[in-house]
C-alpha atoms as a PDB file:
ATOM      1  CA  MET A   1      72.893 -20.436  98.143  1.00  0.00           C
ATOM      2  CA  VAL A   2      75.734 -17.941  98.545  1.00  0.00           C
ATOM      3  CA  ARG A   3      74.379 -16.233 101.649  1.00  0.00           C
ATOM      4  CA  GLU A   4      72.831 -19.242 103.382  1.00  0.00           C
ATOM      5  CA  GLN A   5      75.373 -21.951 102.591  1.00  0.00           C
ATOM      6  CA  LEU A   6      78.625 -20.109 102.015  1.00  0.00           C
ATOM      7  CA  MET A   7      78.863 -16.748 103.766  1.00  0.00           C
ATOM      8  CA  SER A   8      77.212 -18.111 106.900  1.00  0.00           C
ATOM      9  CA  ARG A   9      79.891 -20.819 107.063  1.00  0.00           C
ATOM     10  CA  GLY A  10      82.870 -18.534 106.667  1.00  0.00           C
ATOM     11  CA  ILE A  11      83.434 -18.168 102.916  1.00  0.00           C
ATOM     12  CA  HIS A  12      84.355 -14.495 102.460  1.00  0.00           C
ATOM     13  CA  ASP A  13      86.504 -14.187  99.321  1.00  0.00           C
ATOM     14  CA  GLU A  14      84.445 -11.852  97.123  1.00  0.00           C
ATOM     15  CA  ARG A  15      85.736 -13.300  93.861  1.00  0.00           C
ATOM     16  CA  VAL A  16      84.957 -16.852  94.954  1.00  0.00           C
ATOM     17  CA  LEU A  17      81.470 -15.837  96.081  1.00  0.00           C
ATOM     18  CA  ALA A  18      80.872 -14.066  92.760  1.00  0.00           C
ATOM     19  CA  ALA A  19      81.929 -17.152  90.797  1.00  0.00           C
ATOM     20  CA  MET A  20      79.697 -19.380  92.914  1.00  0.00           C
ATOM     21  CA  SER A  21      76.794 -17.018  92.177  1.00  0.00           C
ATOM     22  CA  LYS A  22      77.510 -16.855  88.457  1.00  0.00           C
ATOM     23  CA  VAL A  23      78.201 -20.467  87.439  1.00  0.00           C
ATOM     24  CA  PRO A  24      74.921 -22.358  86.788  1.00  0.00           C
ATOM     25  CA  ARG A  25      75.340 -25.452  88.962  1.00  0.00           C
ATOM     26  CA  GLU A  26      72.209 -27.049  87.489  1.00  0.00           C
ATOM     27  CA  GLU A  27      74.030 -27.385  84.151  1.00  0.00           C
ATOM     28  CA  PHE A  28      76.540 -29.746  85.781  1.00  0.00           C
ATOM     29  CA  VAL A  29      74.181 -32.250  87.392  1.00  0.00           C
ATOM     30  CA  PRO A  30      72.090 -34.998  85.750  1.00  0.00           C
ATOM     31  CA  ALA A  31      68.580 -33.983  84.672  1.00  0.00           C
ATOM     32  CA  ASP A  32      66.963 -36.061  87.417  1.00  0.00           C
ATOM     33  CA  GLU A  33      69.047 -34.267  90.077  1.00  0.00           C
ATOM     34  CA  ARG A  34      68.466 -30.678  88.920  1.00  0.00           C
ATOM     35  CA  ALA A  35      65.845 -29.965  91.563  1.00  0.00           C
ATOM     36  CA  ALA A  36      68.538 -30.651  94.169  1.00  0.00           C
ATOM     37  CA  ALA A  37      71.334 -28.776  92.372  1.00  0.00           C
ATOM     38  CA  TYR A  38      71.592 -25.994  94.966  1.00  0.00           C
ATOM     39  CA  THR A  39      71.163 -28.084  98.098  1.00  0.00           C
ATOM     40  CA  ASP A  40      74.321 -28.354 100.182  1.00  0.00           C
ATOM     41  CA  ASN A  41      74.851 -32.020  99.406  1.00  0.00           C
ATOM     42  CA  PRO A  42      77.046 -34.032  97.054  1.00  0.00           C
ATOM     43  CA  LEU A  43      75.054 -35.491  94.154  1.00  0.00           C
ATOM     44  CA  PRO A  44      75.677 -38.605  92.041  1.00  0.00           C
ATOM     45  CA  ILE A  45      76.809 -37.965  88.460  1.00  0.00           C
ATOM     46  CA  GLY A  46      77.358 -41.570  87.358  1.00  0.00           C
ATOM     47  CA  TYR A  47      80.379 -43.892  87.137  1.00  0.00           C
ATOM     48  CA  ASP A  48      80.591 -43.994  90.960  1.00  0.00           C
ATOM     49  CA  GLN A  49      81.425 -40.280  91.031  1.00  0.00           C
ATOM     50  CA  THR A  50      79.766 -37.269  92.641  1.00  0.00           C
ATOM     51  CA  ILE A  51      79.626 -33.508  92.304  1.00  0.00           C
ATOM     52  CA  SER A  52      80.799 -32.023  95.604  1.00  0.00           C
ATOM     53  CA  GLN A  53      78.455 -29.949  97.737  1.00  0.00           C
ATOM     54  CA  PRO A  54      78.656 -26.174  97.086  1.00  0.00           C
ATOM     55  CA  TYR A  55      80.308 -25.399 100.429  1.00  0.00           C
ATOM     56  CA  ILE A  56      83.180 -27.820  99.799  1.00  0.00           C
ATOM     57  CA  VAL A  57      83.713 -26.435  96.281  1.00  0.00           C
ATOM     58  CA  ALA A  58      83.827 -22.884  97.647  1.00  0.00           C
ATOM     59  CA  PHE A  59      86.016 -23.832 100.618  1.00  0.00           C
ATOM     60  CA  MET A  60      88.595 -25.657  98.516  1.00  0.00           C
ATOM     61  CA  THR A  61      88.646 -22.860  95.956  1.00  0.00           C
ATOM     62  CA  GLU A  62      89.124 -20.185  98.611  1.00  0.00           C
ATOM     63  CA  GLN A  63      92.012 -22.134 100.171  1.00  0.00           C
ATOM     64  CA  LEU A  64      93.927 -21.837  96.885  1.00  0.00           C
ATOM     65  CA  HIS A  65      93.844 -18.002  97.003  1.00  0.00           C
ATOM     66  CA  PRO A  66      93.180 -17.938  93.238  1.00  0.00           C
ATOM     67  CA  LYS A  67      94.563 -14.992  91.277  1.00  0.00           C
ATOM     68  CA  PRO A  68      93.582 -13.871  87.753  1.00  0.00           C
ATOM     69  CA  SER A  69      97.048 -14.765  86.434  1.00  0.00           C
ATOM     70  CA  ASP A  70      97.126 -18.303  87.887  1.00  0.00           C
ATOM     71  CA  ARG A  71      97.391 -21.581  86.004  1.00  0.00           C
ATOM     72  CA  VAL A  72      95.560 -24.267  87.980  1.00  0.00           C
ATOM     73  CA  LEU A  73      95.525 -28.060  87.735  1.00  0.00           C
ATOM     74  CA  GLU A  74      92.398 -29.946  88.782  1.00  0.00           C
ATOM     75  CA  ILE A  75      92.466 -33.697  89.411  1.00  0.00           C
ATOM     76  CA  GLY A  76      89.034 -35.287  89.038  1.00  0.00           C
ATOM     77  CA  THR A  77      86.917 -33.218  86.644  1.00  0.00           C
ATOM     78  CA  GLY A  78      83.690 -35.057  87.382  1.00  0.00           C
ATOM     79  CA  SER A  79      80.893 -33.010  85.844  1.00  0.00           C
ATOM     80  CA  GLY A  80      83.116 -29.970  85.262  1.00  0.00           C
ATOM     81  CA  TYR A  81      81.564 -27.717  87.921  1.00  0.00           C
ATOM     82  CA  GLN A  82      84.755 -27.042  89.877  1.00  0.00           C
ATOM     83  CA  ALA A  83      86.601 -26.389  86.609  1.00  0.00           C
ATOM     84  CA  ALA A  84      83.966 -23.809  85.658  1.00  0.00           C
ATOM     85  CA  ILE A  85      84.299 -22.052  89.024  1.00  0.00           C
ATOM     86  CA  LEU A  86      88.074 -21.928  88.612  1.00  0.00           C
ATOM     87  CA  ALA A  87      87.813 -20.784  84.995  1.00  0.00           C
ATOM     88  CA  ASP A  88      85.967 -17.690  86.228  1.00  0.00           C
ATOM     89  CA  LEU A  89      88.796 -16.914  88.635  1.00  0.00           C
ATOM     90  CA  VAL A  90      92.113 -17.765  86.960  1.00  0.00           C
ATOM     91  CA  ALA A  91      93.875 -17.531  83.607  1.00  0.00           C
ATOM     92  CA  GLU A  92      93.979 -21.231  82.681  1.00  0.00           C
ATOM     93  CA  VAL A  93      92.499 -24.423  84.132  1.00  0.00           C
ATOM     94  CA  TYR A  94      93.895 -27.852  83.251  1.00  0.00           C
ATOM     95  CA  THR A  95      91.534 -30.593  84.370  1.00  0.00           C
ATOM     96  CA  ILE A  96      91.983 -34.381  84.267  1.00  0.00           C
ATOM     97  CA  GLU A  97      89.305 -37.075  84.498  1.00  0.00           C
ATOM     98  CA  ILE A  98      90.006 -40.815  84.419  1.00  0.00           C
ATOM     99  CA  ALA A  99      86.447 -41.836  83.409  1.00  0.00           C
ATOM    100  CA  GLU A 100      86.234 -41.003  79.712  1.00  0.00           C
ATOM    101  CA  PRO A 101      82.415 -40.676  79.493  1.00  0.00           C
ATOM    102  CA  LEU A 102      82.452 -38.162  82.360  1.00  0.00           C
ATOM    103  CA  ALA A 103      85.337 -36.298  80.755  1.00  0.00           C
ATOM    104  CA  ARG A 104      83.548 -35.991  77.423  1.00  0.00           C
ATOM    105  CA  ASN A 105      80.315 -34.846  79.069  1.00  0.00           C
ATOM    106  CA  ALA A 106      82.171 -32.278  81.169  1.00  0.00           C
ATOM    107  CA  GLU A 107      84.105 -31.012  78.168  1.00  0.00           C
ATOM    108  CA  ALA A 108      80.896 -30.613  76.162  1.00  0.00           C
ATOM    109  CA  THR A 109      79.255 -28.683  79.006  1.00  0.00           C
ATOM    110  CA  LEU A 110      82.248 -26.387  79.477  1.00  0.00           C
ATOM    111  CA  VAL A 111      82.417 -25.673  75.741  1.00  0.00           C
ATOM    112  CA  ARG A 112      78.664 -25.062  75.520  1.00  0.00           C
ATOM    113  CA  LEU A 113      78.832 -22.573  78.387  1.00  0.00           C
ATOM    114  CA  GLY A 114      81.794 -20.750  76.856  1.00  0.00           C
ATOM    115  CA  TYR A 115      84.646 -21.656  79.204  1.00  0.00           C
ATOM    116  CA  LYS A 116      87.466 -21.358  76.682  1.00  0.00           C
ATOM    117  CA  ASN A 117      90.235 -21.340  79.306  1.00  0.00           C
ATOM    118  CA  ALA A 118      89.365 -24.802  80.694  1.00  0.00           C
ATOM    119  CA  HIS A 119      91.467 -27.541  79.097  1.00  0.00           C
ATOM    120  CA  MET A 120      90.327 -31.162  79.380  1.00  0.00           C
ATOM    121  CA  LYS A 121      92.355 -34.368  79.423  1.00  0.00           C
ATOM    122  CA  VAL A 122      91.315 -37.996  79.848  1.00  0.00           C
ATOM    123  CA  GLY A 123      93.931 -39.642  82.017  1.00  0.00           C
ATOM    124  CA  ASP A 124      95.216 -40.741  85.409  1.00  0.00           C
ATOM    125  CA  GLY A 125      95.263 -37.744  87.709  1.00  0.00           C
ATOM    126  CA  TYR A 126      97.886 -39.351  89.944  1.00  0.00           C
ATOM    127  CA  LYS A 127     100.426 -38.499  87.253  1.00  0.00           C
ATOM    128  CA  GLY A 128      99.312 -34.903  86.846  1.00  0.00           C
ATOM    129  CA  TRP A 129      99.866 -33.037  83.595  1.00  0.00           C
ATOM    130  CA  PRO A 130     103.644 -32.608  83.310  1.00  0.00           C
ATOM    131  CA  GLU A 131     103.505 -31.102  79.822  1.00  0.00           C
ATOM    132  CA  ASN A 132     101.833 -27.997  81.258  1.00  0.00           C
ATOM    133  CA  ALA A 133     103.569 -27.862  84.648  1.00  0.00           C
ATOM    134  CA  PRO A 134     104.402 -26.103  86.858  1.00  0.00           C
ATOM    135  CA  PHE A 135     101.093 -24.911  88.274  1.00  0.00           C
ATOM    136  CA  ASP A 136     100.335 -22.050  90.654  1.00  0.00           C
ATOM    137  CA  ALA A 137      97.702 -24.174  92.362  1.00  0.00           C
ATOM    138  CA  ILE A 138      96.423 -27.750  92.317  1.00  0.00           C
ATOM    139  CA  THR A 139      93.051 -28.966  93.546  1.00  0.00           C
ATOM    140  CA  VAL A 140      92.262 -32.666  93.948  1.00  0.00           C
ATOM    141  CA  THR A 141      88.697 -33.963  94.237  1.00  0.00           C
ATOM    142  CA  CYS A 142      89.407 -37.645  94.884  1.00  0.00           C
ATOM    143  CA  ALA A 143      91.291 -39.162  97.790  1.00  0.00           C
ATOM    144  CA  PRO A 144      94.585 -41.070  97.541  1.00  0.00           C
ATOM    145  CA  ASP A 145      96.105 -42.819 100.558  1.00  0.00           C
ATOM    146  CA  ARG A 146      99.034 -40.409 100.362  1.00  0.00           C
ATOM    147  CA  VAL A 147      99.862 -37.262  98.434  1.00  0.00           C
ATOM    148  CA  PRO A 148     101.109 -38.220  94.943  1.00  0.00           C
ATOM    149  CA  ARG A 149     104.729 -37.201  94.366  1.00  0.00           C
ATOM    150  CA  PRO A 150     104.087 -36.258  90.708  1.00  0.00           C
ATOM    151  CA  LEU A 151     101.622 -33.613  91.876  1.00  0.00           C
ATOM    152  CA  THR A 152     103.944 -32.019  94.407  1.00  0.00           C
ATOM    153  CA  ASP A 153     106.676 -32.007  91.760  1.00  0.00           C
ATOM    154  CA  GLN A 154     104.347 -30.112  89.422  1.00  0.00           C
ATOM    155  CA  LEU A 155     103.465 -27.459  92.009  1.00  0.00           C
ATOM    156  CA  LYS A 156     105.234 -24.158  91.439  1.00  0.00           C
ATOM    157  CA  GLU A 157     107.401 -22.590  94.135  1.00  0.00           C
ATOM    158  CA  GLY A 158     105.021 -20.569  96.295  1.00  0.00           C
ATOM    159  CA  GLY A 159     102.089 -22.635  95.042  1.00  0.00           C
ATOM    160  CA  ARG A 160      99.243 -24.180  97.014  1.00  0.00           C
ATOM    161  CA  MET A 161      97.587 -27.596  96.762  1.00  0.00           C
ATOM    162  CA  ILE A 162      94.323 -28.685  98.382  1.00  0.00           C
ATOM    163  CA  ILE A 163      93.847 -32.466  98.555  1.00  0.00           C
ATOM    164  CA  PRO A 164      91.844 -35.044 100.545  1.00  0.00           C
ATOM    165  CA  VAL A 165      93.981 -37.900 101.878  1.00  0.00           C
ATOM    166  CA  GLY A 166      92.879 -41.153 103.493  1.00  0.00           C
ATOM    167  CA  ASP A 167      90.892 -44.313 102.912  1.00  0.00           C
ATOM    168  CA  ARG A 168      87.248 -44.649 101.907  1.00  0.00           C
ATOM    169  CA  PHE A 169      86.044 -44.184 105.482  1.00  0.00           C
ATOM    170  CA  ALA A 170      88.303 -41.528 107.026  1.00  0.00           C
ATOM    171  CA  GLN A 171      89.892 -38.655 105.152  1.00  0.00           C
ATOM    172  CA  GLN A 172      91.431 -35.307 105.977  1.00  0.00           C
ATOM    173  CA  LEU A 173      91.607 -32.339 103.648  1.00  0.00           C
ATOM    174  CA  TYR A 174      95.153 -30.967 103.558  1.00  0.00           C
ATOM    175  CA  LEU A 175      96.517 -27.659 102.353  1.00  0.00           C
ATOM    176  CA  LEU A 176     100.079 -27.933 101.064  1.00  0.00           C
ATOM    177  CA  GLU A 177     102.249 -24.887 100.369  1.00  0.00           C
ATOM    178  CA  LYS A 178     105.605 -25.117  98.617  1.00  0.00           C
ATOM    179  CA  LYS A 179     108.216 -22.786 100.097  1.00  0.00           C
ATOM    180  CA  ASN A 180     111.937 -22.986  99.343  1.00  0.00           C
ATOM    181  CA  GLY A 181     111.372 -26.368  97.752  1.00  0.00           C
ATOM    182  CA  GLN A 182     109.766 -27.744 100.922  1.00  0.00           C
ATOM    183  CA  LEU A 183     106.115 -28.587 101.541  1.00  0.00           C
ATOM    184  CA  LYS A 184     104.280 -27.078 104.485  1.00  0.00           C
ATOM    185  CA  GLU A 185     101.280 -29.279 105.289  1.00  0.00           C
ATOM    186  CA  SER A 186      98.174 -28.238 107.231  1.00  0.00           C
ATOM    187  CA  ALA A 187      95.109 -30.356 108.008  1.00  0.00           C
ATOM    188  CA  VAL A 188      92.101 -28.130 107.440  1.00  0.00           C
ATOM    189  CA  LEU A 189      88.911 -30.213 107.402  1.00  0.00           C
ATOM    190  CA  PRO A 190      87.632 -33.795 107.794  1.00  0.00           C
ATOM    191  CA  VAL A 191      85.990 -34.828 104.515  1.00  0.00           C
ATOM    192  CA  ARG A 192      84.736 -37.782 102.522  1.00  0.00           C
ATOM    193  CA  PHE A 193      85.574 -37.958  98.813  1.00  0.00           C
ATOM    194  CA  VAL A 194      85.502 -40.844  96.358  1.00  0.00           C
ATOM    195  CA  PRO A 195      88.843 -42.708  96.308  1.00  0.00           C
ATOM    196  CA  MET A 196      91.463 -41.864  93.704  1.00  0.00           C
ATOM    197  CA  THR A 197      91.745 -44.696  91.182  1.00  0.00           C
ATOM    198  CA  GLY A 198      94.395 -45.615  88.620  1.00  0.00           C
ATOM    199  CA  GLU A 199      98.029 -45.532  89.730  1.00  0.00           C
ATOM    200  CA  ALA A 200      97.017 -44.445  93.248  1.00  0.00           C
ATOM    201  CA  THR A 201      95.631 -47.926  93.954  1.00  0.00           C
ATOM    202  CA  LYS A 202      99.067 -49.426  93.264  1.00  0.00           C
ATOM    203  CA  GLN A 203     100.839 -47.102  95.684  1.00  0.00           C
ATOM    204  CA  LYS A 204      99.141 -48.282  98.877  1.00  0.00           C
END
């Protein structure tokens, strides 16, 4: 997977590649999807959610420039795969999932696999996790119509956020960097993620 799907498409961060090689993706997909775990496709995980394809996980992770000392917020835990990748790369991962059954399953998987630095919360990701802010990096795996203000407020000075923005049919992945209290925004990739639910649906 690493050589064929990631390196050939421009993923070069050695730490990210090592994490993608190490984390057992098959542990984060439903039993009936395990044969397809390493294909470069998103897979259904229930509750109208998906696990992103490996390339997108690696790309978004690399865009954050993760450092061993970082504290990272993830919005949209899903199966917990992205949280596991991040947990291999940074000091602490705080991950939020709005669908409680998914959250509990992800938490159980992360605990079983020994990821002690991944912290789980059931809640509305639009609001972030202010009790543990600010964060060095934020990754969002569901698409709001616009970037949630609570998340930018919780991003540390010098921090980076990767987030898909748009409607169900047309989205753009944006990289946001906070410098001198201002956000520098760059469109990096057209994507298609599940929509952000909860408070995000009221902010259209």
